[in-house]
Protein backbone atom coordinates (compact mmCIF):
# COMPACT_ATOMS: atom_id res chain seq x y z
CA MET A 1 0.00 0.00 0.00
CA ALA A 2 1.47 3.33 -1.09
CA VAL A 3 1.44 6.19 1.41
CA THR A 4 1.99 9.83 0.52
CA VAL A 5 2.63 12.72 2.91
CA SER A 6 1.05 16.15 2.59
CA SER A 7 0.70 19.23 4.77
CA LEU A 8 -2.31 19.63 7.04
CA ASP A 9 -4.88 22.24 6.09
CA LEU A 10 -8.18 23.08 7.73
CA GLU A 11 -10.19 21.31 5.04
CA ALA A 12 -8.48 18.04 6.00
CA PHE A 13 -9.50 18.32 9.66
CA GLU A 14 -12.60 16.16 9.27
CA ARG A 15 -10.49 13.43 7.66
CA LEU A 16 -8.18 13.09 10.66
CA PRO A 17 -8.39 9.86 12.65
CA LYS A 18 -10.66 10.19 15.67
CA HIS A 19 -7.90 10.40 18.27
CA ALA A 20 -5.87 12.98 16.34
CA ARG A 21 -9.04 15.00 15.75
CA GLN A 22 -10.16 15.05 19.39
CA CYS A 23 -7.17 14.77 21.72
CA ILE A 24 -6.06 18.09 23.23
CA PHE A 25 -3.41 16.81 25.63
CA TRP A 26 -0.86 19.27 24.27
CA GLU A 27 -3.07 22.04 22.98
CA VAL A 28 -5.07 23.27 25.98
CA GLU A 29 -3.91 24.75 29.27
CA PRO A 30 -4.30 22.15 32.05
CA VAL A 31 -6.79 23.02 34.78
CA THR A 32 -6.22 21.81 38.32
CA PRO A 33 -9.31 20.01 39.65
CA ALA A 34 -11.04 21.83 42.48
CA GLY A 35 -10.32 20.25 45.81
CA PRO A 36 -9.25 21.00 49.37
CA ASP A 37 -5.78 22.36 49.98
CA VAL A 38 -3.98 19.72 51.98
CA SER A 39 -0.56 21.35 52.04
CA ASP A 40 -0.99 22.85 55.51
CA THR A 41 -0.74 19.98 57.95
CA SER A 42 -1.31 22.24 60.95
CA GLN A 43 -4.68 23.39 59.65
CA ILE A 44 -5.75 19.82 58.96
CA VAL A 45 -4.86 18.69 62.47
CA LEU A 46 -6.73 21.60 64.00
CA GLU A 47 -9.82 20.79 61.96
CA LEU A 48 -9.82 17.11 62.84
CA ASP A 49 -12.25 16.27 65.61
CA ILE A 50 -10.61 13.35 67.37
CA GLU A 51 -12.95 11.56 69.74
CA ILE A 52 -12.01 8.76 72.08
CA GLY A 53 -14.71 6.18 72.62
CA THR A 54 -15.97 2.76 71.71
CA ASP A 55 -17.37 3.80 68.32
CA SER A 56 -14.68 2.64 65.88
CA SER A 57 -16.14 4.79 63.11
CA VAL A 58 -14.62 7.88 64.72
CA ALA A 59 -11.24 6.31 65.40
CA PHE A 60 -8.29 8.37 64.16
CA ASP A 61 -6.55 6.60 61.30
CA ALA A 62 -2.99 7.17 60.12
CA LEU A 63 -3.87 7.28 56.43
CA ALA A 64 -1.96 9.75 54.30
CA PHE A 65 -3.68 13.10 54.14
CA ASP A 66 -3.23 13.23 50.37
CA GLN A 67 -5.01 9.88 50.20
CA LEU A 68 -7.88 11.08 52.37
CA PHE A 69 -8.39 14.10 50.15
CA ASP A 70 -7.33 12.59 46.81
CA THR A 71 -9.01 14.27 43.87
CA GLY A 72 -8.00 11.50 41.47
CA PRO A 73 -6.76 11.75 37.90
CA ILE A 74 -8.60 13.89 35.44
CA ASP A 75 -10.75 12.20 32.84
CA GLY A 76 -9.43 12.39 29.30
CA PHE A 77 -8.36 15.17 26.99
CA ARG A 78 -11.08 15.18 24.34
CA SER A 79 -12.48 18.25 22.64
CA GLU A 80 -12.87 18.34 18.88
CA PHE A 81 -13.85 22.00 19.03
CA ASP A 82 -10.69 23.02 20.90
CA LYS A 83 -8.46 20.94 18.63
CA GLU A 84 -9.92 22.53 15.50
CA ALA A 85 -9.59 26.00 17.04
CA TRP A 86 -5.93 25.34 17.90
CA ILE A 87 -5.12 24.15 14.37
CA SER A 88 -7.06 26.99 12.77
CA GLY A 89 -5.30 29.62 14.86
CA LEU A 90 -1.86 28.23 14.10
CA LEU A 91 -2.51 27.95 10.37
CA LEU A 92 -3.63 31.56 10.31
CA GLU A 93 -0.93 33.08 12.52
CA TRP A 94 2.09 30.79 12.10
CA GLY A 95 1.60 28.49 9.14
CA THR A 96 1.67 24.73 8.64
CA CYS A 97 1.52 22.86 11.96
CA GLY A 98 0.93 19.29 10.83
CA GLN A 99 1.73 16.60 8.28
CA LEU A 100 -0.57 13.81 7.13
CA ALA A 101 0.27 10.32 5.88
CA ILE A 102 -2.42 9.37 3.35
CA GLU A 103 -3.06 5.89 1.99
CA SER A 104 -3.10 6.42 -1.76
CA THR A 105 -5.77 3.92 -2.78
CA THR A 106 -8.39 4.91 -0.20
CA GLY A 107 -7.43 8.49 0.65
CA HIS A 108 -7.62 7.67 4.36
CA VAL A 109 -5.33 9.52 6.75
CA VAL A 110 -3.20 6.83 8.42
CA GLY A 111 -0.68 8.97 10.25
CA THR A 112 -0.28 12.46 11.69
CA ALA A 113 2.49 14.70 12.96
CA PHE A 114 1.88 17.94 14.85
CA TYR A 115 4.37 20.69 15.67
CA ALA A 116 4.27 24.29 16.86
CA PRO A 117 6.22 27.01 18.66
CA PRO A 118 6.48 25.99 22.34
CA GLY A 119 4.56 29.09 23.38
CA ARG A 120 1.51 27.68 21.59
CA VAL A 121 1.74 24.34 23.41
CA PRO A 122 0.56 24.86 27.02
CA ARG A 123 1.31 21.33 28.21
CA SER A 124 4.99 21.67 27.31
CA HIS A 125 5.61 23.97 30.28
CA TYR A 126 4.76 21.27 32.84
CA PHE A 127 7.16 18.47 31.95
CA PRO A 128 10.05 17.78 34.33
CA THR A 129 12.48 18.50 31.48
CA SER A 130 10.87 21.81 30.46
CA PRO A 131 11.33 24.38 29.03
CA VAL A 132 11.82 23.93 25.31
CA SER A 133 14.67 26.02 23.87
CA ALA A 134 13.66 29.40 22.51
CA ASP A 135 15.15 28.71 19.06
CA ALA A 136 13.32 25.41 18.56
CA VAL A 137 9.93 24.29 17.32
CA LEU A 138 8.28 21.61 19.45
CA LEU A 139 7.32 18.35 17.77
CA THR A 140 4.43 17.24 19.95
CA ALA A 141 3.24 13.99 18.40
CA ILE A 142 3.79 11.52 15.60
CA ARG A 143 1.04 8.93 15.54
CA THR A 144 0.16 6.23 13.01
CA GLU A 145 -2.77 3.90 12.62
CA PRO A 146 -2.22 0.15 13.16
CA GLY A 147 -0.42 -1.41 10.22
CA PHE A 148 1.08 1.88 9.04
CA GLU A 149 3.92 2.27 11.53
CA ASP A 150 6.44 2.45 8.68
CA SER A 151 5.02 5.83 7.67
CA ALA A 152 6.32 7.52 10.85
CA PRO A 153 9.81 8.29 9.45
CA GLY A 154 8.20 9.81 6.35
CA LEU A 155 6.10 12.08 8.54
CA LEU A 156 9.20 13.19 10.42
CA ASP A 157 11.03 13.86 7.14
CA ALA A 158 8.12 16.05 6.00
CA VAL A 159 8.26 18.02 9.25
CA ILE A 160 12.02 18.51 8.88
CA THR A 161 11.72 19.63 5.25
CA ASP A 162 8.96 22.12 6.08
CA LEU A 163 10.82 23.68 9.00
CA ILE A 164 14.12 23.94 7.14
CA ARG A 165 12.38 25.84 4.36
CA ARG A 166 11.01 28.21 7.00
CA GLY A 167 14.42 28.85 8.53
CA VAL A 168 13.88 27.04 11.85
CA ARG A 169 17.13 26.14 13.62
CA ALA A 170 16.08 23.06 15.59
CA ILE A 171 13.28 20.67 16.52
CA GLU A 172 12.77 19.51 20.09
CA ALA A 173 10.45 16.85 21.47
CA PHE A 174 9.59 15.25 24.78
CA GLY A 175 10.23 11.54 24.47
CA ILE A 176 8.77 8.77 26.54
CA ILE A 177 10.89 5.83 27.68
CA GLY A 178 9.19 2.47 27.92
CA SER A 179 5.91 3.54 26.33
CA ASP A 180 4.71 -0.09 26.31
CA ASP A 181 4.84 -0.34 30.09
CA ASP A 182 1.88 -0.27 32.43
CA PRO A 183 0.70 3.38 32.51
CA ALA A 184 0.74 3.30 36.33
CA ALA A 185 4.51 2.81 36.20
CA PHE A 186 5.04 6.33 34.87
CA ALA A 187 3.67 7.84 38.07
CA ALA A 188 6.49 6.28 40.09
CA ASP A 189 9.02 8.72 38.68
CA LEU A 190 6.77 11.75 38.99
CA ALA A 191 4.80 11.10 42.17
CA GLY A 192 5.27 12.28 45.70
CA PRO A 193 5.22 9.94 48.72
CA PRO A 194 3.95 6.39 48.13
CA ARG A 195 0.28 5.80 48.73
CA GLY A 196 -0.39 4.55 52.22
CA SER A 197 2.42 6.64 53.75
CA SER A 198 1.57 9.57 55.99
CA HIS A 199 3.01 12.47 57.88
CA LEU A 200 2.48 10.41 61.01
CA GLY A 201 4.66 7.71 59.51
CA ARG A 202 7.45 10.26 58.91
CA ARG A 203 7.49 11.78 62.39
CA PRO A 204 10.66 11.52 64.49
CA ALA A 205 10.99 8.91 67.18
CA SER A 206 8.85 9.77 70.18
CA THR A 207 9.60 9.28 73.84
CA THR A 208 5.93 8.38 74.34
CA ILE A 209 4.93 4.77 73.70
CA ILE A 210 1.82 4.96 71.52
CA PRO A 211 -0.61 2.04 71.85
CA SER A 212 -1.67 0.46 68.57
CA ASP A 213 -5.32 0.49 69.72
CA ILE A 214 -6.67 4.01 69.29
CA THR A 215 -9.20 3.52 72.08
CA GLU A 216 -6.31 3.18 74.56
CA TRP A 217 -4.83 6.59 73.74
CA THR A 218 -4.69 8.97 76.70
CA ASP A 219 -4.97 12.74 76.50
CA GLU A 220 -1.18 12.93 76.84
CA THR A 221 -0.72 10.55 73.89
CA ILE A 222 -3.04 12.60 71.70
CA ALA A 223 -1.21 15.80 72.65
CA GLU A 224 2.18 14.17 71.92
CA VAL A 225 1.08 12.95 68.47
CA ALA A 226 -0.40 16.34 67.57
CA ARG A 227 2.76 18.14 68.78
CA GLU A 228 5.02 15.90 66.69
CA ILE A 229 2.87 16.43 63.61
CA LEU A 230 2.99 20.20 64.07
CA ASP A 231 6.75 20.23 64.73
CA THR A 232 7.70 17.93 61.83
CA PRO A 233 8.47 19.85 58.64
CA VAL A 234 6.33 18.62 55.79
CA PRO A 235 8.40 17.86 52.67
CA GLN A 236 7.69 20.32 49.89
CA PRO A 237 8.08 18.55 46.55
CA ASP A 238 8.49 20.39 43.27
CA PRO A 239 4.93 21.57 42.44
CA ARG A 240 5.36 20.13 38.95
CA MET A 241 6.03 16.70 40.44
CA HIS A 242 2.86 16.36 42.54
CA ARG A 243 0.84 13.25 41.78
CA ASN A 244 -2.46 15.16 41.43
CA ASP A 245 -1.18 17.88 39.12
CA PRO A 246 -3.16 17.26 35.92
CA ALA A 247 -0.54 19.01 33.85
CA LEU A 248 1.90 16.20 34.47
CA PRO A 249 1.99 12.92 32.59
CA GLY A 250 1.51 10.81 35.70
CA ASP A 251 -0.98 8.33 37.14
CA GLY A 252 -3.44 8.52 34.25
CA ASP A 253 -3.08 12.28 33.76
CA TYR A 254 -1.47 11.96 30.36
CA CYS A 255 -2.03 10.60 26.87
CA PRO A 256 0.58 7.95 26.02
CA GLU A 257 -0.47 7.99 22.37
CA CYS A 258 0.53 11.65 22.07
CA ILE A 259 4.07 11.38 23.45
CA ILE A 260 6.71 10.17 21.00
CA ASP A 261 8.76 7.11 21.86
CA ALA A 262 12.25 8.28 22.82
CA SER A 263 13.90 5.40 20.95
CA PHE A 264 12.22 6.50 17.70
CA LEU A 265 13.57 10.01 18.16
CA LYS A 266 17.09 8.79 18.91
CA ASP A 267 17.03 6.43 15.92
CA ASN A 268 16.18 9.40 13.71
CA GLY A 269 19.00 11.69 14.76
CA PHE A 270 17.69 13.41 17.90
CA ASP A 271 20.05 13.88 20.84
CA VAL A 272 19.06 13.96 24.50
CA ILE A 273 19.62 17.44 25.92
CA ALA A 274 17.66 17.05 29.18
CA SER A 275 17.70 13.57 30.65
CA HIS A 276 14.95 11.99 32.73
CA PRO A 277 14.06 8.37 33.61
CA ARG A 278 10.78 8.60 31.69
CA PHE A 279 10.45 11.92 29.87
CA PRO A 280 13.73 13.13 28.35
CA ARG A 281 13.80 16.16 26.09
CA LEU A 282 15.53 15.59 22.77
CA ARG A 283 16.77 17.95 20.04
CA LEU A 284 17.54 17.74 16.34
CA GLU A 285 19.66 20.50 14.83
CA LEU A 286 18.36 21.46 11.41
CA ASP A 287 20.55 22.26 8.43
CA GLU A 288 20.14 22.27 4.69
CA GLY A 289 21.69 18.82 4.43
CA LEU A 290 18.73 17.26 6.20
CA GLY A 291 16.27 18.99 3.91
CA TRP A 292 18.24 18.00 0.81
CA LYS A 293 18.23 14.36 1.91
CA ALA A 294 14.46 14.36 2.43
CA GLU A 295 13.85 16.04 -0.92
CA VAL A 296 16.05 13.53 -2.77
CA GLU A 297 14.29 10.60 -1.13
CA SER A 298 10.90 12.08 -2.03
CA ALA A 299 11.99 12.61 -5.65
CA LEU A 300 13.25 9.03 -5.90
CA GLU A 301 9.96 7.69 -4.55
CA LYS A 302 8.04 9.70 -7.16
CA LEU A 303 10.30 8.37 -9.94
CA VAL A 304 9.77 4.79 -8.80
CA MET A 305 5.99 5.28 -8.70
CA LYS A 306 6.01 6.93 -12.15
CA ALA A 307 8.08 4.10 -13.60
CA ALA A 308 5.70 1.52 -12.14
CA ILE A 309 2.69 3.32 -13.64
CA ASP A 310 4.39 3.61 -17.06
CA LEU A 311 5.26 -0.09 -17.02
CA SER A 312 1.70 -1.01 -16.12
CA MET A 313 0.31 1.14 -18.93
CA ARG A 314 2.73 -0.35 -21.46
CA GLN A 315 1.81 -3.88 -20.43
CA GLY A 316 -1.87 -3.01 -20.82
CA ALA A 317 -1.26 -1.50 -24.24
CA GLY A 318 0.67 -4.60 -25.32
CA VAL A 319 -2.18 -6.90 -24.34
CA GLY A 320 -4.65 -4.71 -26.22
CA ALA A 321 -2.50 -4.71 -29.36
CA GLY A 322 -2.11 -8.49 -29.22
CA MET A 323 -5.86 -9.00 -28.98
CA GLY A 324 -6.34 -6.73 -31.98
CA CYS A 325 -3.97 -8.82 -34.10
CA PHE A 326 -5.72 -12.00 -32.96
CA ARG A 327 -9.11 -10.65 -34.05
CA ALA A 328 -7.68 -9.53 -37.40
CA ASN A 329 -6.23 -12.99 -38.10
CA ARG A 330 -9.54 -14.70 -37.32
CA SER A 331 -11.43 -12.45 -39.72
CA ARG A 332 -9.37 -13.60 -42.70
């Protein structure tokens, strides 16, 4: 099956595959879900009404505060309206922002590549390896439909050729390492304390022996626990690394289909300029040599296709001529 690559225009939007047409992981500013602020441990302790009695339902538990008040991952990144608005705005103000791989016989779009100035890609500011260099264009996604994975390098070549013609110095991209892993694994590198831990579990050793049964706690025990909680500094992680920050690709808050595999980028000439266990940032310096290579390869492909068409037409003409001679001989 022959695949050709062409630039994205607004008329082609409706032909995009469903995911490429709807996913706005990169294109829209993340919004933090509304929820209680659990950063102030002192306030939480003061608001807790600890009662001592036989009713186990009011027993004080040592669950992590962030688990008690967990807002959970946000649900999806789908908005066809916002995606079309993003593409339309870029086409009008900046120019081409996408390349399409099109299956020649059916006209179906089987692959997409999107790219833009980093200032037009809100999600790019929240990665642990941000920011993107000021002289680079950000390649956000290269995605192909099943069975058309071989068209990905062609999409990248089209992006390179377009940006070289426009005088861009470099392309950068956030790669993902181990994209076939369980999505929950990505949170391990970006999350805060493990679930099930707590500020109580991190308090310094106490001189008071605390009974495991909450109903046996005395007033002195309660006061000692509260004092240790208030006196223990609460670790302050990088805000961009918090497990419930929806801007981060962690714990379900990301779209694995819209982050390019780091190995693909490295195999195609990108170099790591900001390392990370999961989300390195890579860069490809652009020069005229890269554009020349892509143009030569494209010209060769067109010559091969033209030769194949000419050969097919000649074979068809030969068969037609032979049949004509056969009919002429029979008429004699």
